Amino acid sequence: MTKERSELKSIGYEIFIGILSILSIINLVLLYVVQEQSLDTVLSVMNGIFSVTFVADFLYRIATAPSAAAYFFKHFGWADLLASVPLAQFKILRVFRLIRVYRLLREVGIRTVGRALIKDRAGSSLYVLLVMGIFVLEFGSLAMLRVEQGAPRANITTASDAIWYTIVTISTVGYGDQYPVTDLGRVIGAWIIVLGVGIFGTFTGYLANLFLSPRNPAPPVDAADTSTETVEGLRLRLEESEAKLTEIRKLLVEPTQ
């Protein structure tokens, strides 16, 4: 149990990596099942994002592992490293990362997972908005491209157009150079705008909480402990007063003798 706990990072972080692993494996299946150039472009961009994230995850784990050699050789760190390479031959190794996340969370227990997520609401919200951003970027781009690509007078005709439109819409910038012309495309665009506002609003709130909250909040004061300390302080002061009175009496008695 101690070994599993030493491998475990924060609960929210492990779930975040697990979700990204599942999505990357689904994307790998889609690349082989659906042969379409536009889909390949979007999934290749997402694979680049996943590769950067998994490289950072590998570096984080090997830097914080109790034994870097044990993590690399015994706990499939080598698989994490190879799975981070953006090549189709190594992507299947991301299954090892998913298996590790499942094993660690199973060892902790579902109740502990739930309590940890509730306790660390700020961190959990950050991971949720990151997952939402990734999902909106991928599926929003695919949906927009599917709806707009063949429409008359459409200006979202390529995968790069759809990805660019989704990015600027999520960020609520909205340059206006790319826009939907179909009714369904506008509905999808409206949902992307709403989700983008929610994602960046949550992110702003997280940053505000991170920078403005006190670093070391004072522990709650127990009333019983306070009363005990007050009584103890009074007793010590009485003892000190009695000792001083005794010394004064001695000084007053000594000259008469």
C-alpha atoms as a PDB file:
ATOM      1  CA  MET A   1       0.000   0.000   0.000  1.00  0.00           C
ATOM      2  CA  THR A   2       2.857   2.372   0.781  1.00  0.00           C
ATOM      3  CA  LYS A   3       4.400   1.811  -2.635  1.00  0.00           C
ATOM      4  CA  GLU A   4       1.115   2.647  -4.405  1.00  0.00           C
ATOM      5  CA  ARG A   5       0.675   5.786  -2.317  1.00  0.00           C
ATOM      6  CA  SER A   6       4.217   6.909  -3.176  1.00  0.00           C
ATOM      7  CA  GLU A   7       3.395   6.567  -6.897  1.00  0.00           C
ATOM      8  CA  LEU A   8       0.087   8.398  -6.529  1.00  0.00           C
ATOM      9  CA  LYS A   9       0.043  12.090  -7.339  1.00  0.00           C
ATOM     10  CA  SER A  10      -3.016  14.176  -6.538  1.00  0.00           C
ATOM     11  CA  ILE A  11      -6.337  12.429  -7.202  1.00  0.00           C
ATOM     12  CA  GLY A  12      -7.506  15.093  -9.646  1.00  0.00           C
ATOM     13  CA  TYR A  13      -4.233  14.918 -11.563  1.00  0.00           C
ATOM     14  CA  GLU A  14      -4.398  11.128 -11.926  1.00  0.00           C
ATOM     15  CA  ILE A  15      -7.987  11.286 -13.202  1.00  0.00           C
ATOM     16  CA  PHE A  16      -6.993  14.044 -15.637  1.00  0.00           C
ATOM     17  CA  ILE A  17      -4.154  11.933 -17.060  1.00  0.00           C
ATOM     18  CA  GLY A  18      -6.463   8.915 -17.241  1.00  0.00           C
ATOM     19  CA  ILE A  19      -9.080  10.833 -19.265  1.00  0.00           C
ATOM     20  CA  LEU A  20      -6.440  12.128 -21.665  1.00  0.00           C
ATOM     21  CA  SER A  21      -5.117   8.580 -22.085  1.00  0.00           C
ATOM     22  CA  ILE A  22      -8.593   7.279 -22.934  1.00  0.00           C
ATOM     23  CA  LEU A  23      -9.199  10.089 -25.427  1.00  0.00           C
ATOM     24  CA  SER A  24      -5.810   9.575 -27.089  1.00  0.00           C
ATOM     25  CA  ILE A  25      -6.533   5.855 -27.528  1.00  0.00           C
ATOM     26  CA  ILE A  26      -9.969   6.645 -29.009  1.00  0.00           C
ATOM     27  CA  ASN A  27      -8.303   9.053 -31.424  1.00  0.00           C
ATOM     28  CA  LEU A  28      -5.860   6.323 -32.437  1.00  0.00           C
ATOM     29  CA  VAL A  29      -8.754   3.995 -33.261  1.00  0.00           C
ATOM     30  CA  LEU A  30     -10.502   6.737 -35.250  1.00  0.00           C
ATOM     31  CA  LEU A  31      -7.377   7.361 -37.310  1.00  0.00           C
ATOM     32  CA  TYR A  32      -7.379   3.745 -38.489  1.00  0.00           C
ATOM     33  CA  VAL A  33     -11.137   3.283 -38.836  1.00  0.00           C
ATOM     34  CA  VAL A  34     -12.061   6.586 -40.522  1.00  0.00           C
ATOM     35  CA  GLN A  35      -9.851   7.426 -43.474  1.00  0.00           C
ATOM     36  CA  GLU A  36     -10.451  11.141 -44.017  1.00  0.00           C
ATOM     37  CA  GLN A  37      -7.892  13.875 -44.477  1.00  0.00           C
ATOM     38  CA  SER A  38      -9.705  16.536 -42.454  1.00  0.00           C
ATOM     39  CA  LEU A  39     -10.167  14.149 -39.535  1.00  0.00           C
ATOM     40  CA  ASP A  40      -6.510  13.168 -39.708  1.00  0.00           C
ATOM     41  CA  THR A  41      -5.477  16.835 -39.477  1.00  0.00           C
ATOM     42  CA  VAL A  42      -7.588  17.561 -36.384  1.00  0.00           C
ATOM     43  CA  LEU A  43      -6.515  14.367 -34.634  1.00  0.00           C
ATOM     44  CA  SER A  44      -2.863  15.049 -35.493  1.00  0.00           C
ATOM     45  CA  VAL A  45      -3.107  18.450 -33.794  1.00  0.00           C
ATOM     46  CA  MET A  46      -4.726  16.857 -30.747  1.00  0.00           C
ATOM     47  CA  ASN A  47      -2.042  14.158 -30.720  1.00  0.00           C
ATOM     48  CA  GLY A  48       0.602  16.892 -30.600  1.00  0.00           C
ATOM     49  CA  ILE A  49      -1.128  18.408 -27.551  1.00  0.00           C
ATOM     50  CA  PHE A  50      -1.339  14.989 -25.892  1.00  0.00           C
ATOM     51  CA  SER A  51       2.317  14.262 -26.628  1.00  0.00           C
ATOM     52  CA  VAL A  52       3.463  17.497 -24.960  1.00  0.00           C
ATOM     53  CA  THR A  53       1.221  16.785 -21.962  1.00  0.00           C
ATOM     54  CA  PHE A  54       2.477  13.214 -21.590  1.00  0.00           C
ATOM     55  CA  VAL A  55       6.123  14.298 -21.860  1.00  0.00           C
ATOM     56  CA  ALA A  56       5.487  16.776 -19.037  1.00  0.00           C
ATOM     57  CA  ASP A  57       3.779  13.991 -17.072  1.00  0.00           C
ATOM     58  CA  PHE A  58       6.778  11.687 -17.552  1.00  0.00           C
ATOM     59  CA  LEU A  59       9.224  14.379 -16.402  1.00  0.00           C
ATOM     60  CA  TYR A  60       7.034  15.184 -13.396  1.00  0.00           C
ATOM     61  CA  ARG A  61       6.796  11.541 -12.339  1.00  0.00           C
ATOM     62  CA  ILE A  62      10.467  10.738 -12.735  1.00  0.00           C
ATOM     63  CA  ALA A  63      11.453  13.938 -10.889  1.00  0.00           C
ATOM     64  CA  THR A  64       9.136  13.203  -7.938  1.00  0.00           C
ATOM     65  CA  ALA A  65       9.554   9.422  -7.801  1.00  0.00           C
ATOM     66  CA  PRO A  66      11.262   8.020  -4.659  1.00  0.00           C
ATOM     67  CA  SER A  67      13.504   6.069  -7.042  1.00  0.00           C
ATOM     68  CA  ALA A  68      13.858   7.248 -10.636  1.00  0.00           C
ATOM     69  CA  ALA A  69      15.304   3.880 -11.703  1.00  0.00           C
ATOM     70  CA  ALA A  70      12.448   1.944 -10.094  1.00  0.00           C
ATOM     71  CA  TYR A  71       9.880   4.158 -11.795  1.00  0.00           C
ATOM     72  CA  PHE A  72      11.564   3.870 -15.199  1.00  0.00           C
ATOM     73  CA  PHE A  73      12.203   0.126 -15.236  1.00  0.00           C
ATOM     74  CA  LYS A  74       9.732  -1.466 -12.787  1.00  0.00           C
ATOM     75  CA  HIS A  75       6.753   0.872 -13.048  1.00  0.00           C
ATOM     76  CA  PHE A  76       6.783   1.213 -16.859  1.00  0.00           C
ATOM     77  CA  GLY A  77       8.317   4.664 -16.997  1.00  0.00           C
ATOM     78  CA  TRP A  78       9.936   3.605 -20.271  1.00  0.00           C
ATOM     79  CA  ALA A  79       6.439   3.003 -21.675  1.00  0.00           C
ATOM     80  CA  ASP A  80       5.388   6.497 -20.571  1.00  0.00           C
ATOM     81  CA  LEU A  81       8.368   7.967 -22.396  1.00  0.00           C
ATOM     82  CA  LEU A  82       7.809   6.018 -25.635  1.00  0.00           C
ATOM     83  CA  ALA A  83       4.062   6.684 -25.533  1.00  0.00           C
ATOM     84  CA  SER A  84       4.827  10.412 -25.485  1.00  0.00           C
ATOM     85  CA  VAL A  85       6.503  10.182 -28.885  1.00  0.00           C
ATOM     86  CA  PRO A  86       4.032  11.395 -31.566  1.00  0.00           C
ATOM     87  CA  LEU A  87       4.351   8.229 -33.654  1.00  0.00           C
ATOM     88  CA  ALA A  88       1.497   5.800 -34.289  1.00  0.00           C
ATOM     89  CA  GLN A  89       3.722   2.803 -33.467  1.00  0.00           C
ATOM     90  CA  PHE A  90       4.128   3.927 -29.841  1.00  0.00           C
ATOM     91  CA  LYS A  91       0.694   5.407 -29.093  1.00  0.00           C
ATOM     92  CA  ILE A  92      -0.721   2.053 -28.009  1.00  0.00           C
ATOM     93  CA  LEU A  93       1.727   2.119 -25.094  1.00  0.00           C
ATOM     94  CA  ARG A  94      -0.516   4.775 -23.542  1.00  0.00           C
ATOM     95  CA  VAL A  95      -2.572   1.833 -22.287  1.00  0.00           C
ATOM     96  CA  PHE A  96       0.123   1.353 -19.608  1.00  0.00           C
ATOM     97  CA  ARG A  97      -0.496   4.878 -18.322  1.00  0.00           C
ATOM     98  CA  LEU A  98      -4.235   4.170 -18.155  1.00  0.00           C
ATOM     99  CA  ILE A  99      -3.646   0.882 -16.316  1.00  0.00           C
ATOM    100  CA  ARG A 100      -1.461   2.651 -13.735  1.00  0.00           C
ATOM    101  CA  VAL A 101      -4.107   5.310 -13.078  1.00  0.00           C
ATOM    102  CA  TYR A 102      -6.784   2.614 -12.632  1.00  0.00           C
ATOM    103  CA  ARG A 103      -4.574   0.580 -10.280  1.00  0.00           C
ATOM    104  CA  LEU A 104      -3.642   3.558  -8.123  1.00  0.00           C
ATOM    105  CA  LEU A 105      -7.213   4.827  -7.804  1.00  0.00           C
ATOM    106  CA  ARG A 106      -8.476   1.323  -7.020  1.00  0.00           C
ATOM    107  CA  GLU A 107      -5.936   0.985  -4.233  1.00  0.00           C
ATOM    108  CA  VAL A 108      -7.023   4.307  -2.746  1.00  0.00           C
ATOM    109  CA  GLY A 109     -10.742   3.509  -2.893  1.00  0.00           C
ATOM    110  CA  ILE A 110     -13.710   5.283  -4.439  1.00  0.00           C
ATOM    111  CA  ARG A 111     -14.729   6.972  -1.167  1.00  0.00           C
ATOM    112  CA  THR A 112     -11.276   8.440  -0.674  1.00  0.00           C
ATOM    113  CA  VAL A 113     -11.303   9.644  -4.278  1.00  0.00           C
ATOM    114  CA  GLY A 114     -14.625  11.409  -3.763  1.00  0.00           C
ATOM    115  CA  ARG A 115     -13.531  13.032  -0.492  1.00  0.00           C
ATOM    116  CA  ALA A 116     -10.248  14.208  -2.040  1.00  0.00           C
ATOM    117  CA  LEU A 117     -12.032  15.802  -5.007  1.00  0.00           C
ATOM    118  CA  ILE A 118     -14.484  17.605  -2.726  1.00  0.00           C
ATOM    119  CA  LYS A 119     -11.730  18.782  -0.382  1.00  0.00           C
ATOM    120  CA  ASP A 120      -9.586  20.156  -3.217  1.00  0.00           C
ATOM    121  CA  ARG A 121     -12.377  21.892  -5.114  1.00  0.00           C
ATOM    122  CA  ALA A 122     -10.090  24.537  -6.622  1.00  0.00           C
ATOM    123  CA  GLY A 123      -7.657  21.983  -8.050  1.00  0.00           C
ATOM    124  CA  SER A 124     -10.498  19.735  -9.244  1.00  0.00           C
ATOM    125  CA  SER A 125     -12.105  22.691 -11.036  1.00  0.00           C
ATOM    126  CA  LEU A 126      -8.820  23.414 -12.812  1.00  0.00           C
ATOM    127  CA  TYR A 127      -8.566  19.857 -14.156  1.00  0.00           C
ATOM    128  CA  VAL A 128     -12.240  19.877 -15.171  1.00  0.00           C
ATOM    129  CA  LEU A 129     -11.834  23.052 -17.215  1.00  0.00           C
ATOM    130  CA  LEU A 130      -8.668  21.688 -18.847  1.00  0.00           C
ATOM    131  CA  VAL A 131     -10.533  18.530 -19.884  1.00  0.00           C
ATOM    132  CA  MET A 132     -13.464  20.627 -21.107  1.00  0.00           C
ATOM    133  CA  GLY A 133     -11.133  22.827 -23.139  1.00  0.00           C
ATOM    134  CA  ILE A 134      -9.562  19.793 -24.816  1.00  0.00           C
ATOM    135  CA  PHE A 135     -12.947  18.206 -25.560  1.00  0.00           C
ATOM    136  CA  VAL A 136     -14.364  21.449 -26.975  1.00  0.00           C
ATOM    137  CA  LEU A 137     -11.270  22.011 -29.115  1.00  0.00           C
ATOM    138  CA  GLU A 138     -11.390  18.529 -30.644  1.00  0.00           C
ATOM    139  CA  PHE A 139     -15.098  17.814 -31.013  1.00  0.00           C
ATOM    140  CA  GLY A 140     -16.038  21.452 -31.661  1.00  0.00           C
ATOM    141  CA  SER A 141     -13.558  21.560 -34.549  1.00  0.00           C
ATOM    142  CA  LEU A 142     -14.779  18.247 -35.959  1.00  0.00           C
ATOM    143  CA  ALA A 143     -18.460  19.231 -35.667  1.00  0.00           C
ATOM    144  CA  MET A 144     -17.930  22.664 -37.192  1.00  0.00           C
ATOM    145  CA  LEU A 145     -15.935  21.244 -40.080  1.00  0.00           C
ATOM    146  CA  ARG A 146     -18.536  18.563 -40.758  1.00  0.00           C
ATOM    147  CA  VAL A 147     -21.402  21.083 -40.845  1.00  0.00           C
ATOM    148  CA  GLU A 148     -19.676  23.951 -42.679  1.00  0.00           C
ATOM    149  CA  GLN A 149     -17.333  22.234 -45.100  1.00  0.00           C
ATOM    150  CA  GLY A 150     -19.828  21.692 -47.938  1.00  0.00           C
ATOM    151  CA  ALA A 151     -22.097  24.693 -47.349  1.00  0.00           C
ATOM    152  CA  PRO A 152     -22.435  27.414 -50.024  1.00  0.00           C
ATOM    153  CA  ARG A 153     -20.311  30.517 -49.332  1.00  0.00           C
ATOM    154  CA  ALA A 154     -18.664  28.729 -46.391  1.00  0.00           C
ATOM    155  CA  ASN A 155     -15.303  30.056 -45.168  1.00  0.00           C
ATOM    156  CA  ILE A 156     -14.650  27.166 -42.768  1.00  0.00           C
ATOM    157  CA  THR A 157     -13.625  24.617 -45.364  1.00  0.00           C
ATOM    158  CA  THR A 158     -10.451  23.011 -43.988  1.00  0.00           C
ATOM    159  CA  ALA A 159      -9.399  21.414 -40.724  1.00  0.00           C
ATOM    160  CA  SER A 160      -7.068  24.316 -39.977  1.00  0.00           C
ATOM    161  CA  ASP A 161      -9.979  26.756 -40.461  1.00  0.00           C
ATOM    162  CA  ALA A 162     -12.132  24.800 -38.006  1.00  0.00           C
ATOM    163  CA  ILE A 163      -9.356  24.543 -35.416  1.00  0.00           C
ATOM    164  CA  TRP A 164      -8.550  28.251 -35.699  1.00  0.00           C
ATOM    165  CA  TYR A 165     -12.231  29.203 -35.367  1.00  0.00           C
ATOM    166  CA  THR A 166     -12.644  26.997 -32.300  1.00  0.00           C
ATOM    167  CA  ILE A 167      -9.521  28.367 -30.598  1.00  0.00           C
ATOM    168  CA  VAL A 168     -10.427  32.035 -31.073  1.00  0.00           C
ATOM    169  CA  THR A 169     -14.036  31.320 -30.047  1.00  0.00           C
ATOM    170  CA  ILE A 170     -13.088  29.406 -26.875  1.00  0.00           C
ATOM    171  CA  SER A 171     -10.760  32.245 -25.899  1.00  0.00           C
ATOM    172  CA  THR A 172     -13.658  34.689 -26.502  1.00  0.00           C
ATOM    173  CA  VAL A 173     -11.428  36.737 -28.817  1.00  0.00           C
ATOM    174  CA  GLY A 174     -13.437  36.182 -32.000  1.00  0.00           C
ATOM    175  CA  TYR A 175     -11.427  37.800 -34.798  1.00  0.00           C
ATOM    176  CA  GLY A 176     -14.288  37.359 -37.241  1.00  0.00           C
ATOM    177  CA  ASP A 177     -12.136  36.086 -40.092  1.00  0.00           C
ATOM    178  CA  GLN A 178     -13.787  32.649 -39.764  1.00  0.00           C
ATOM    179  CA  TYR A 179     -17.482  32.277 -38.988  1.00  0.00           C
ATOM    180  CA  PRO A 180     -20.279  29.746 -39.593  1.00  0.00           C
ATOM    181  CA  VAL A 181     -22.858  30.394 -42.321  1.00  0.00           C
ATOM    182  CA  THR A 182     -25.304  27.559 -41.622  1.00  0.00           C
ATOM    183  CA  ASP A 183     -27.917  27.541 -38.876  1.00  0.00           C
ATOM    184  CA  LEU A 184     -26.524  24.371 -37.312  1.00  0.00           C
ATOM    185  CA  GLY A 185     -23.026  25.811 -37.485  1.00  0.00           C
ATOM    186  CA  ARG A 186     -24.180  28.912 -35.631  1.00  0.00           C
ATOM    187  CA  VAL A 187     -25.778  26.744 -32.933  1.00  0.00           C
ATOM    188  CA  ILE A 188     -22.484  24.872 -32.513  1.00  0.00           C
ATOM    189  CA  GLY A 189     -20.641  28.185 -32.452  1.00  0.00           C
ATOM    190  CA  ALA A 190     -22.973  29.504 -29.751  1.00  0.00           C
ATOM    191  CA  TRP A 191     -22.276  26.453 -27.583  1.00  0.00           C
ATOM    192  CA  ILE A 192     -18.531  26.920 -28.069  1.00  0.00           C
ATOM    193  CA  ILE A 193     -18.869  30.563 -26.980  1.00  0.00           C
ATOM    194  CA  VAL A 194     -20.845  29.639 -23.848  1.00  0.00           C
ATOM    195  CA  LEU A 195     -18.393  26.907 -22.900  1.00  0.00           C
ATOM    196  CA  GLY A 196     -15.453  29.211 -23.595  1.00  0.00           C
ATOM    197  CA  VAL A 197     -16.832  31.868 -21.260  1.00  0.00           C
ATOM    198  CA  GLY A 198     -17.354  29.227 -18.555  1.00  0.00           C
ATOM    199  CA  ILE A 199     -13.865  27.783 -19.000  1.00  0.00           C
ATOM    200  CA  PHE A 200     -12.063  31.118 -18.839  1.00  0.00           C
ATOM    201  CA  GLY A 201     -14.310  32.388 -16.050  1.00  0.00           C
ATOM    202  CA  THR A 202     -13.453  29.344 -13.948  1.00  0.00           C
ATOM    203  CA  PHE A 203      -9.777  29.703 -14.810  1.00  0.00           C
ATOM    204  CA  THR A 204      -9.821  33.358 -13.757  1.00  0.00           C
ATOM    205  CA  GLY A 205     -11.480  32.418 -10.462  1.00  0.00           C
ATOM    206  CA  TYR A 206      -8.855  29.730  -9.860  1.00  0.00           C
ATOM    207  CA  LEU A 207      -6.012  32.185 -10.442  1.00  0.00           C
ATOM    208  CA  ALA A 208      -7.648  34.714  -8.129  1.00  0.00           C
ATOM    209  CA  ASN A 209      -7.968  32.071  -5.430  1.00  0.00           C
ATOM    210  CA  LEU A 210      -4.373  30.968  -5.978  1.00  0.00           C
ATOM    211  CA  PHE A 211      -2.791  34.413  -5.716  1.00  0.00           C
ATOM    212  CA  LEU A 212      -5.098  36.160  -3.253  1.00  0.00           C
ATOM    213  CA  SER A 213      -5.765  33.433  -0.683  1.00  0.00           C
ATOM    214  CA  PRO A 214      -3.392  33.354   2.338  1.00  0.00           C
ATOM    215  CA  ARG A 215      -0.480  30.974   1.979  1.00  0.00           C
ATOM    216  CA  ASN A 216      -0.684  29.625   5.555  1.00  0.00           C
ATOM    217  CA  PRO A 217      -4.191  30.172   6.888  1.00  0.00           C
ATOM    218  CA  ALA A 218      -4.445  30.288  10.660  1.00  0.00           C
ATOM    219  CA  PRO A 219      -5.775  27.057  12.140  1.00  0.00           C
ATOM    220  CA  PRO A 220      -9.250  27.239  13.678  1.00  0.00           C
ATOM    221  CA  VAL A 221      -9.213  28.086  17.374  1.00  0.00           C
ATOM    222  CA  ASP A 222     -11.067  25.685  19.638  1.00  0.00           C
ATOM    223  CA  ALA A 223     -13.098  27.396  22.387  1.00  0.00           C
ATOM    224  CA  ALA A 224     -12.246  24.649  24.864  1.00  0.00           C
ATOM    225  CA  ASP A 225      -8.533  25.058  24.179  1.00  0.00           C
ATOM    226  CA  THR A 226      -8.858  28.838  24.601  1.00  0.00           C
ATOM    227  CA  SER A 227     -10.560  28.516  27.988  1.00  0.00           C
ATOM    228  CA  THR A 228      -7.954  25.989  29.128  1.00  0.00           C
ATOM    229  CA  GLU A 229      -5.116  28.311  28.120  1.00  0.00           C
ATOM    230  CA  THR A 230      -6.796  31.239  29.935  1.00  0.00           C
ATOM    231  CA  VAL A 231      -7.146  29.305  33.200  1.00  0.00           C
ATOM    232  CA  GLU A 232      -3.571  28.060  32.940  1.00  0.00           C
ATOM    233  CA  GLY A 233      -2.315  31.604  32.348  1.00  0.00           C
ATOM    234  CA  LEU A 234      -4.173  32.925  35.386  1.00  0.00           C
ATOM    235  CA  ARG A 235      -2.764  30.148  37.548  1.00  0.00           C
ATOM    236  CA  LEU A 236       0.794  30.953  36.453  1.00  0.00           C
ATOM    237  CA  ARG A 237       0.290  34.658  37.157  1.00  0.00           C
ATOM    238  CA  LEU A 238      -1.045  33.905  40.636  1.00  0.00           C
ATOM    239  CA  GLU A 239       1.977  31.719  41.373  1.00  0.00           C
ATOM    240  CA  GLU A 240       4.320  34.479  40.156  1.00  0.00           C
ATOM    241  CA  SER A 241       2.490  37.052  42.323  1.00  0.00           C
ATOM    242  CA  GLU A 242       2.704  34.806  45.397  1.00  0.00           C
ATOM    243  CA  ALA A 243       6.435  34.297  44.824  1.00  0.00           C
ATOM    244  CA  LYS A 244       7.003  38.055  44.588  1.00  0.00           C
ATOM    245  CA  LEU A 245       4.949  38.671  47.749  1.00  0.00           C
ATOM    246  CA  THR A 246       7.057  36.096  49.582  1.00  0.00           C
ATOM    247  CA  GLU A 247      10.252  37.853  48.518  1.00  0.00           C
ATOM    248  CA  ILE A 248       8.869  41.229  49.665  1.00  0.00           C
ATOM    249  CA  ARG A 249       7.958  39.805  53.098  1.00  0.00           C
ATOM    250  CA  LYS A 250      11.478  38.442  53.491  1.00  0.00           C
ATOM    251  CA  LEU A 251      12.978  41.829  52.639  1.00  0.00           C
ATOM    252  CA  LEU A 252      10.729  43.555  55.143  1.00  0.00           C
ATOM    253  CA  VAL A 253      11.508  41.060  57.923  1.00  0.00           C
ATOM    254  CA  GLU A 254      15.314  40.981  57.482  1.00  0.00           C
ATOM    255  CA  PRO A 255      16.055  44.621  58.697  1.00  0.00           C
ATOM    256  CA  THR A 256      14.091  44.134  61.907  1.00  0.00           C
ATOM    257  CA  GLN A 257      16.204  41.112  62.709  1.00  0.00           C
END
